[in-house]
């Protein structure tokens, strides 16, 4: 690792875990909102819907975001 990425890592480790959890949760929620809005757009415009925005993709991304939130927010023993 070079000096730049090392300094970023030390700064990230210096942040309290509560803030890190909040940041990741916020990111996942924003991601969920984006995916849901894309899903609504596909529903409204079925004829021109992209393959990338199909319901299986949206469902998988919702599950992935939920799993990320659960992993990050799991209580430490």
N, C-alpha and C. Protein backbone atom coordinates (compact mmCIF):
# COMPACT_ATOMS: atom_id res chain seq x y z
N UNK A 1 0.84 -1.20 0.00
CA UNK A 1 0.00 0.00 0.00
C UNK A 1 0.87 1.25 0.00
N UNK A 2 0.48 2.20 -0.80
CA UNK A 2 1.24 3.44 -0.82
C UNK A 2 0.81 4.34 0.33
N UNK A 3 1.50 5.46 0.45
CA UNK A 3 1.28 6.36 1.59
C UNK A 3 -0.14 6.93 1.60
N UNK A 4 -0.64 7.24 0.39
CA UNK A 4 -1.96 7.87 0.28
C UNK A 4 -3.07 6.95 0.80
N UNK A 5 -3.06 5.68 0.34
CA UNK A 5 -4.12 4.76 0.77
C UNK A 5 -3.95 4.39 2.25
N UNK A 6 -2.71 4.40 2.74
CA UNK A 6 -2.49 4.12 4.16
C UNK A 6 -3.08 5.22 5.03
N UNK A 7 -2.91 6.47 4.59
CA UNK A 7 -3.46 7.58 5.38
C UNK A 7 -4.98 7.55 5.37
N UNK A 8 -5.57 7.15 4.24
CA UNK A 8 -7.03 7.03 4.18
C UNK A 8 -7.50 5.92 5.12
N UNK A 9 -6.77 4.81 5.14
CA UNK A 9 -7.15 3.71 6.02
C UNK A 9 -7.06 4.12 7.49
N UNK A 10 -5.99 4.83 7.86
CA UNK A 10 -5.86 5.23 9.26
C UNK A 10 -6.95 6.24 9.64
N UNK A 11 -7.30 7.12 8.71
CA UNK A 11 -8.39 8.07 8.98
C UNK A 11 -9.71 7.33 9.12
N UNK A 12 -9.94 6.32 8.27
CA UNK A 12 -11.18 5.55 8.34
C UNK A 12 -11.25 4.79 9.66
N UNK A 13 -10.12 4.23 10.10
CA UNK A 13 -10.10 3.48 11.35
C UNK A 13 -10.28 4.40 12.56
N UNK A 14 -9.90 5.67 12.40
CA UNK A 14 -10.03 6.62 13.50
C UNK A 14 -11.48 7.05 13.72
N UNK A 15 -12.33 6.89 12.70
CA UNK A 15 -13.74 7.27 12.83
C UNK A 15 -14.42 6.28 13.77
N UNK A 16 -15.22 6.78 14.72
CA UNK A 16 -15.95 5.85 15.61
C UNK A 16 -16.87 4.92 14.82
N UNK A 17 -17.04 3.70 15.33
CA UNK A 17 -17.79 2.69 14.57
C UNK A 17 -19.25 3.08 14.40
N UNK A 18 -19.78 3.89 15.33
CA UNK A 18 -21.18 4.32 15.20
C UNK A 18 -21.36 5.11 13.92
N UNK A 19 -20.41 6.02 13.64
CA UNK A 19 -20.50 6.83 12.43
C UNK A 19 -20.32 5.97 11.19
N UNK A 20 -19.41 4.99 11.26
CA UNK A 20 -19.20 4.11 10.11
C UNK A 20 -20.46 3.33 9.80
N UNK A 21 -21.10 2.80 10.86
CA UNK A 21 -22.34 2.04 10.66
C UNK A 21 -23.41 2.94 10.07
N UNK A 22 -23.51 4.15 10.59
CA UNK A 22 -24.51 5.10 10.08
C UNK A 22 -24.26 5.44 8.62
N UNK A 23 -22.98 5.63 8.28
CA UNK A 23 -22.62 5.97 6.91
C UNK A 23 -22.99 4.84 5.96
N UNK A 24 -22.65 3.61 6.33
CA UNK A 24 -22.95 2.48 5.44
C UNK A 24 -24.45 2.27 5.34
N UNK A 25 -25.16 2.44 6.47
CA UNK A 25 -26.62 2.30 6.45
C UNK A 25 -27.24 3.35 5.56
N UNK A 26 -26.77 4.59 5.68
CA UNK A 26 -27.29 5.68 4.85
C UNK A 26 -27.04 5.39 3.37
N UNK A 27 -25.83 4.91 3.06
CA UNK A 27 -25.49 4.58 1.68
C UNK A 27 -26.42 3.49 1.15
N UNK A 28 -26.65 2.46 1.97
CA UNK A 28 -27.52 1.36 1.55
C UNK A 28 -28.96 1.84 1.35
N UNK A 29 -29.43 2.75 2.22
CA UNK A 29 -30.79 3.27 2.08
C UNK A 29 -30.93 4.10 0.81
N UNK A 30 -29.92 4.92 0.51
CA UNK A 30 -29.95 5.71 -0.72
C UNK A 30 -29.97 4.77 -1.93
N UNK A 31 -29.15 3.71 -1.85
CA UNK A 31 -29.10 2.71 -2.92
C UNK A 31 -30.47 2.05 -3.11
N UNK A 32 -31.12 1.71 -1.97
CA UNK A 32 -32.45 1.11 -2.03
C UNK A 32 -33.45 2.06 -2.70
N UNK A 33 -33.39 3.34 -2.32
CA UNK A 33 -34.30 4.32 -2.91
C UNK A 33 -34.09 4.44 -4.41
N UNK A 34 -32.83 4.46 -4.83
CA UNK A 34 -32.53 4.56 -6.26
C UNK A 34 -33.08 3.34 -6.99
N UNK A 35 -32.86 2.14 -6.41
CA UNK A 35 -33.33 0.92 -7.06
C UNK A 35 -34.85 0.88 -7.12
N UNK A 36 -35.52 1.32 -6.04
CA UNK A 36 -36.98 1.33 -6.04
C UNK A 36 -37.53 2.30 -7.08
N UNK A 37 -36.89 3.47 -7.19
CA UNK A 37 -37.37 4.44 -8.18
C UNK A 37 -37.14 3.92 -9.60
N UNK A 38 -36.03 3.22 -9.81
CA UNK A 38 -35.80 2.61 -11.12
C UNK A 38 -36.87 1.56 -11.41
N UNK A 39 -37.22 0.79 -10.38
CA UNK A 39 -38.26 -0.22 -10.54
C UNK A 39 -39.59 0.40 -10.91
N UNK A 40 -39.91 1.54 -10.28
CA UNK A 40 -41.16 2.23 -10.61
C UNK A 40 -41.12 2.75 -12.04
N UNK A 41 -39.95 3.26 -12.45
CA UNK A 41 -39.82 3.74 -13.82
C UNK A 41 -40.04 2.61 -14.81
N UNK A 42 -39.50 1.43 -14.49
CA UNK A 42 -39.67 0.29 -15.39
C UNK A 42 -41.14 -0.11 -15.45
N UNK A 43 -41.83 -0.06 -14.28
CA UNK A 43 -43.25 -0.41 -14.26
C UNK A 43 -44.06 0.57 -15.11
N UNK A 44 -43.71 1.86 -15.01
CA UNK A 44 -44.44 2.88 -15.76
C UNK A 44 -44.13 2.81 -17.25
N UNK A 45 -42.92 2.37 -17.59
CA UNK A 45 -42.48 2.39 -18.98
C UNK A 45 -42.00 0.99 -19.36
N UNK A 46 -42.92 0.03 -19.31
CA UNK A 46 -42.56 -1.37 -19.52
C UNK A 46 -41.99 -1.60 -20.91
N UNK A 47 -42.52 -0.92 -21.90
CA UNK A 47 -42.11 -1.17 -23.28
C UNK A 47 -40.66 -0.77 -23.52
N UNK A 48 -40.21 0.30 -22.85
CA UNK A 48 -38.85 0.76 -23.06
C UNK A 48 -37.93 0.40 -21.89
N UNK A 49 -38.37 -0.55 -21.04
CA UNK A 49 -37.58 -0.91 -19.87
C UNK A 49 -36.29 -1.61 -20.25
N UNK A 50 -35.23 -1.25 -19.58
CA UNK A 50 -33.94 -1.88 -19.82
C UNK A 50 -33.91 -3.27 -19.21
N UNK A 51 -33.05 -4.13 -19.75
CA UNK A 51 -32.86 -5.45 -19.17
C UNK A 51 -32.21 -5.32 -17.79
N UNK A 52 -31.34 -4.32 -17.65
CA UNK A 52 -30.62 -4.12 -16.39
C UNK A 52 -31.56 -3.74 -15.25
N UNK A 53 -32.71 -3.17 -15.58
CA UNK A 53 -33.63 -2.71 -14.56
C UNK A 53 -34.78 -3.67 -14.34
N UNK A 54 -34.58 -4.94 -14.70
CA UNK A 54 -35.66 -5.91 -14.53
C UNK A 54 -35.87 -6.20 -13.04
N UNK A 55 -37.02 -6.77 -12.73
CA UNK A 55 -37.35 -7.02 -11.32
C UNK A 55 -36.38 -7.96 -10.62
N UNK A 56 -35.89 -9.03 -11.25
CA UNK A 56 -34.90 -9.87 -10.55
C UNK A 56 -33.66 -9.08 -10.13
N UNK A 57 -33.20 -8.18 -10.99
CA UNK A 57 -32.03 -7.36 -10.65
C UNK A 57 -32.34 -6.47 -9.46
N UNK A 58 -33.52 -5.85 -9.48
CA UNK A 58 -33.90 -4.95 -8.39
C UNK A 58 -34.05 -5.75 -7.10
N UNK A 59 -34.67 -6.92 -7.18
CA UNK A 59 -34.84 -7.76 -6.00
C UNK A 59 -33.51 -8.19 -5.42
N UNK A 60 -32.58 -8.59 -6.30
CA UNK A 60 -31.26 -9.01 -5.84
C UNK A 60 -30.52 -7.84 -5.18
N UNK A 61 -30.64 -6.65 -5.76
CA UNK A 61 -29.94 -5.51 -5.17
C UNK A 61 -30.56 -5.10 -3.85
N UNK A 62 -31.89 -5.24 -3.72
CA UNK A 62 -32.54 -4.95 -2.44
C UNK A 62 -32.06 -5.91 -1.37
N UNK A 63 -32.00 -7.20 -1.71
CA UNK A 63 -31.52 -8.21 -0.76
C UNK A 63 -30.07 -7.93 -0.38
N UNK A 64 -29.25 -7.58 -1.38
CA UNK A 64 -27.84 -7.29 -1.12
C UNK A 64 -27.69 -6.10 -0.18
N UNK A 65 -28.45 -5.03 -0.44
CA UNK A 65 -28.37 -3.85 0.43
C UNK A 65 -28.83 -4.19 1.84
N UNK A 66 -29.88 -5.00 1.96
CA UNK A 66 -30.39 -5.40 3.28
C UNK A 66 -29.34 -6.22 4.03
N UNK A 67 -28.69 -7.15 3.32
CA UNK A 67 -27.65 -7.98 3.94
C UNK A 67 -26.48 -7.12 4.41
N UNK A 68 -26.09 -6.12 3.58
CA UNK A 68 -25.00 -5.23 3.97
C UNK A 68 -25.35 -4.49 5.25
N UNK A 69 -26.58 -3.97 5.32
CA UNK A 69 -27.01 -3.25 6.53
C UNK A 69 -27.00 -4.18 7.73
N UNK A 70 -27.46 -5.42 7.57
CA UNK A 70 -27.50 -6.37 8.68
C UNK A 70 -26.08 -6.71 9.15
N UNK A 71 -25.16 -6.91 8.20
CA UNK A 71 -23.78 -7.25 8.58
C UNK A 71 -23.13 -6.09 9.32
N UNK A 72 -23.36 -4.88 8.82
CA UNK A 72 -22.72 -3.72 9.44
C UNK A 72 -23.30 -3.44 10.81
N UNK A 73 -24.61 -3.62 10.97
CA UNK A 73 -25.27 -3.25 12.22
C UNK A 73 -25.40 -4.40 13.20
N UNK A 74 -24.79 -5.54 12.92
CA UNK A 74 -24.92 -6.65 13.86
C UNK A 74 -24.22 -6.30 15.18
N UNK A 75 -24.83 -6.66 16.30
CA UNK A 75 -24.24 -6.29 17.59
C UNK A 75 -22.96 -7.07 17.85
N UNK A 76 -21.99 -6.35 18.39
CA UNK A 76 -20.71 -7.00 18.72
C UNK A 76 -20.82 -7.65 20.09
N UNK A 77 -20.20 -8.82 20.23
CA UNK A 77 -20.26 -9.55 21.51
C UNK A 77 -19.19 -9.04 22.46
